[in-house]
Amino acid sequence: MLKKVLSGISSGIMISIGGAVFLACDNKYVGAACFTVALLTICIKGYSLYTGKIGFIPEKHDKEAFSVLLLGLLGNLIGTVACGYLIRFGLPALGDTAEAICTNKLNQTFVQTLIRGFFCGVLMYVAVSVWRDKQKIVGILFCIPVFILAGFEHSIADIFYFAASGIVSAKALGFIWTVILGNTLGGMILPVLNTAWNKKKEAN
């Protein structure tokens, strides 16, 4: 159990670094490209990231898979919250930027946040599945900047941003859970459709 949580914390640290460099960049395109360092490291090192693993639950949903997923999510939470507060203390300007971003996020409706989380989940599944199946980083290099520039929501990154912003409220917590739900649905949609298609072909 500890190993799974620590793997999740490692991912949380890397997502926080990606989030920090995004906050530090005046040019959003450069920031979006630099954010890829997070998922590149996570995939190469094999760390546990909720948004990278949820898409594979439809094909493998035994007790061990859920254990890795949920304990990894706990680690992601610990890693991003801790790093968020460290960044806010060590780099106050980034904390101010995060506060402005998170204030805007809280103006979104539930449905808007859910949709943004959904499409991020789709892209995260594509990025990780291409790495897992082909050992190629092209999915990561394109999918991560795409979800950032499109304005989609990544739950683990958002946890970091809110920690760095210093915003703690019931509304912020609700926002995070909405993004997690959106990421979950988006991450599973392609494998579910693929499974249904394969079953239809076998039936024919």
Protein backbone atom coordinates (compact mmCIF):
# COMPACT_ATOMS: atom_id res chain seq x y z
CA MET A 1 0.00 0.00 0.00
CA LEU A 2 2.76 2.42 0.92
CA LYS A 3 4.53 1.79 -2.39
CA LYS A 4 1.34 2.67 -4.30
CA VAL A 5 0.83 5.87 -2.32
CA LEU A 6 4.47 6.88 -2.75
CA SER A 7 4.20 6.29 -6.49
CA GLY A 8 1.17 8.59 -6.49
CA ILE A 9 3.07 11.22 -4.51
CA SER A 10 5.88 11.07 -7.09
CA SER A 11 3.34 11.78 -9.83
CA GLY A 12 1.90 14.61 -7.75
CA ILE A 13 5.34 16.18 -7.46
CA MET A 14 5.89 15.99 -11.22
CA ILE A 15 2.45 17.43 -12.03
CA SER A 16 3.24 20.25 -9.59
CA ILE A 17 6.49 21.01 -11.37
CA GLY A 18 4.63 21.06 -14.68
CA GLY A 19 2.01 23.34 -13.16
CA ALA A 20 4.63 25.63 -11.68
CA VAL A 21 6.43 26.13 -14.97
CA PHE A 22 3.09 26.85 -16.65
CA LEU A 23 2.36 29.52 -14.04
CA ALA A 24 5.84 30.97 -14.52
CA CYS A 25 5.61 31.32 -18.31
CA ASP A 26 4.25 34.55 -19.75
CA ASN A 27 3.74 32.75 -23.06
CA LYS A 28 0.99 30.13 -22.63
CA TYR A 29 2.23 28.12 -25.61
CA VAL A 30 5.67 27.74 -24.07
CA GLY A 31 4.08 26.90 -20.71
CA ALA A 32 1.84 24.26 -22.28
CA ALA A 33 4.81 22.66 -24.04
CA CYS A 34 6.95 22.70 -20.89
CA PHE A 35 4.15 21.02 -18.89
CA THR A 36 4.85 17.82 -20.85
CA VAL A 37 7.89 17.22 -18.62
CA ALA A 38 5.41 15.99 -16.00
CA LEU A 39 3.73 13.20 -17.98
CA LEU A 40 6.95 12.28 -19.79
CA THR A 41 8.63 11.58 -16.45
CA ILE A 42 5.56 9.83 -15.02
CA CYS A 43 5.27 7.46 -17.99
CA ILE A 44 8.98 6.72 -18.29
CA LYS A 45 9.36 6.14 -14.54
CA GLY A 46 6.07 4.27 -14.20
CA TYR A 47 4.62 6.50 -11.49
CA SER A 48 0.92 6.28 -10.62
CA LEU A 49 -1.28 9.09 -11.94
CA TYR A 50 -5.05 8.84 -11.60
CA THR A 51 -5.81 10.46 -14.95
CA GLY A 52 -3.31 8.16 -16.64
CA LYS A 53 -4.75 4.96 -15.15
CA ILE A 54 -8.52 5.46 -15.02
CA GLY A 55 -8.89 4.80 -18.75
CA PHE A 56 -7.60 1.26 -18.36
CA ILE A 57 -10.16 0.25 -15.71
CA PRO A 58 -12.69 -0.95 -18.34
CA GLU A 59 -10.21 -3.58 -19.54
CA LYS A 60 -8.80 -4.48 -16.13
CA HIS A 61 -11.03 -3.82 -13.13
CA ASP A 62 -9.94 -6.31 -10.49
CA LYS A 63 -9.21 -5.52 -6.86
CA GLU A 64 -5.54 -4.80 -7.55
CA ALA A 65 -6.32 -2.34 -10.33
CA PHE A 66 -8.71 -0.38 -8.11
CA SER A 67 -6.18 -0.45 -5.27
CA VAL A 68 -3.48 1.03 -7.50
CA LEU A 69 -5.93 3.62 -8.83
CA LEU A 70 -7.32 4.85 -5.50
CA LEU A 71 -4.11 4.71 -3.49
CA GLY A 72 -2.38 6.46 -6.38
CA LEU A 73 -5.05 9.18 -6.28
CA LEU A 74 -4.41 9.62 -2.56
CA GLY A 75 -0.72 10.01 -3.31
CA ASN A 76 -1.47 12.47 -6.13
CA LEU A 77 -3.48 14.55 -3.64
CA ILE A 78 -0.72 14.52 -1.02
CA GLY A 79 1.99 15.37 -3.54
CA THR A 80 0.17 18.25 -5.24
CA VAL A 81 -1.17 19.84 -2.06
CA ALA A 82 2.26 19.75 -0.39
CA CYS A 83 4.01 21.13 -3.47
CA GLY A 84 1.31 23.74 -3.98
CA TYR A 85 1.86 25.21 -0.54
CA LEU A 86 5.64 25.03 -0.96
CA ILE A 87 5.41 26.92 -4.26
CA ARG A 88 3.09 29.51 -2.70
CA PHE A 89 5.61 30.08 0.10
CA GLY A 90 8.79 29.93 -1.99
CA LEU A 91 7.52 31.69 -5.11
CA PRO A 92 4.74 34.08 -4.01
CA ALA A 93 4.30 35.51 -7.51
CA LEU A 94 3.28 32.08 -8.79
CA GLY A 95 0.81 31.82 -5.93
CA ASP A 96 -0.76 35.10 -7.03
CA THR A 97 -1.02 33.84 -10.60
CA ALA A 98 -2.60 30.61 -9.40
CA GLU A 99 -5.11 32.59 -7.32
CA ALA A 100 -6.25 34.54 -10.38
CA ILE A 101 -6.57 31.36 -12.45
CA CYS A 102 -8.49 29.49 -9.75
CA THR A 103 -10.85 32.40 -9.14
CA ASN A 104 -11.81 32.22 -12.80
CA LYS A 105 -12.24 28.44 -12.62
CA LEU A 106 -14.75 28.83 -9.81
CA ASN A 107 -16.92 30.99 -12.08
CA GLN A 108 -17.57 27.99 -14.33
CA THR A 109 -20.85 26.12 -14.04
CA PHE A 110 -20.97 22.46 -13.02
CA VAL A 111 -21.71 21.38 -16.59
CA GLN A 112 -18.91 23.51 -18.04
CA THR A 113 -16.39 22.04 -15.60
CA LEU A 114 -17.62 18.50 -16.24
CA ILE A 115 -17.27 18.92 -20.01
CA ARG A 116 -13.79 20.40 -19.68
CA GLY A 117 -12.77 17.53 -17.43
CA PHE A 118 -14.28 15.00 -19.86
CA PHE A 119 -12.22 16.10 -22.84
CA CYS A 120 -9.04 16.27 -20.78
CA GLY A 121 -9.72 12.67 -19.72
CA VAL A 122 -9.98 11.61 -23.38
CA LEU A 123 -6.64 13.22 -24.21
CA MET A 124 -4.92 11.76 -21.15
CA TYR A 125 -6.05 8.28 -22.15
CA VAL A 126 -4.74 8.78 -25.69
CA ALA A 127 -1.38 10.08 -24.46
CA VAL A 128 -0.80 7.25 -21.99
CA SER A 129 -2.16 4.47 -24.22
CA VAL A 130 0.14 5.48 -27.08
CA TRP A 131 3.08 5.35 -24.66
CA ARG A 132 1.96 2.02 -23.18
CA ASP A 133 1.25 0.31 -26.50
CA LYS A 134 3.91 1.84 -28.76
CA GLN A 135 6.53 3.20 -26.32
CA LYS A 136 6.30 6.50 -28.20
CA ILE A 137 6.12 9.94 -26.62
CA VAL A 138 4.29 11.62 -29.50
CA GLY A 139 0.94 11.31 -27.72
CA ILE A 140 2.31 13.06 -24.66
CA LEU A 141 4.00 15.83 -26.64
CA PHE A 142 0.76 16.72 -28.43
CA CYS A 143 -2.08 15.76 -26.07
CA ILE A 144 -0.81 17.68 -23.04
CA PRO A 145 -0.41 21.07 -24.79
CA VAL A 146 -3.74 20.48 -26.57
CA PHE A 147 -5.73 20.00 -23.36
CA ILE A 148 -4.06 23.02 -21.73
CA LEU A 149 -4.49 25.37 -24.69
CA ALA A 150 -8.08 24.22 -25.23
CA GLY A 151 -8.94 25.11 -21.62
CA PHE A 152 -9.76 21.56 -20.53
CA GLU A 153 -9.48 20.67 -16.83
CA HIS A 154 -7.00 18.19 -15.33
CA SER A 155 -8.00 17.26 -11.78
CA ILE A 156 -4.53 16.59 -10.38
CA ALA A 157 -3.09 19.78 -11.88
CA ASP A 158 -6.09 21.70 -10.56
CA ILE A 159 -5.43 20.40 -7.04
CA PHE A 160 -1.93 21.86 -7.32
CA TYR A 161 -3.24 25.19 -8.62
CA PHE A 162 -5.76 25.52 -5.80
CA ALA A 163 -3.15 24.64 -3.17
CA ALA A 164 -0.77 27.20 -4.67
CA SER A 165 -3.57 29.77 -4.78
CA GLY A 166 -4.38 29.37 -1.09
CA ILE A 167 -8.10 29.09 -1.91
CA VAL A 168 -9.78 26.60 0.43
CA SER A 169 -13.57 26.37 0.27
CA ALA A 170 -16.48 24.00 -0.22
CA LYS A 171 -16.91 25.41 -3.73
CA ALA A 172 -13.28 24.65 -4.57
CA LEU A 173 -13.67 21.10 -3.26
CA GLY A 174 -16.81 20.64 -5.34
CA PHE A 175 -14.95 21.93 -8.38
CA ILE A 176 -12.16 19.39 -7.92
CA TRP A 177 -14.59 16.47 -7.55
CA THR A 178 -16.43 17.60 -10.67
CA VAL A 179 -13.18 17.60 -12.64
CA ILE A 180 -12.31 14.15 -11.28
CA LEU A 181 -15.71 12.90 -12.47
CA GLY A 182 -15.19 14.48 -15.89
CA ASN A 183 -11.67 13.02 -16.20
CA THR A 184 -13.03 9.61 -15.20
CA LEU A 185 -15.82 9.61 -17.81
CA GLY A 186 -13.54 11.00 -20.52
CA GLY A 187 -10.74 8.58 -19.74
CA MET A 188 -13.04 5.58 -20.08
CA ILE A 189 -15.11 6.58 -23.13
CA LEU A 190 -12.68 5.43 -25.87
CA PRO A 191 -11.86 2.03 -24.34
CA VAL A 192 -15.56 1.40 -23.64
CA LEU A 193 -16.49 2.22 -27.24
CA ASN A 194 -13.60 0.11 -28.52
CA THR A 195 -14.70 -2.85 -26.40
CA ALA A 196 -18.28 -2.52 -27.65
CA TRP A 197 -17.06 -2.37 -31.25
CA ASN A 198 -14.88 -5.47 -30.83
CA LYS A 199 -17.77 -7.41 -29.30
CA LYS A 200 -19.98 -6.42 -32.22
CA LYS A 201 -17.38 -7.63 -34.72
CA GLU A 202 -17.00 -10.93 -32.86
CA ALA A 203 -20.80 -11.39 -32.83
CA ASN A 204 -20.89 -10.92 -36.59
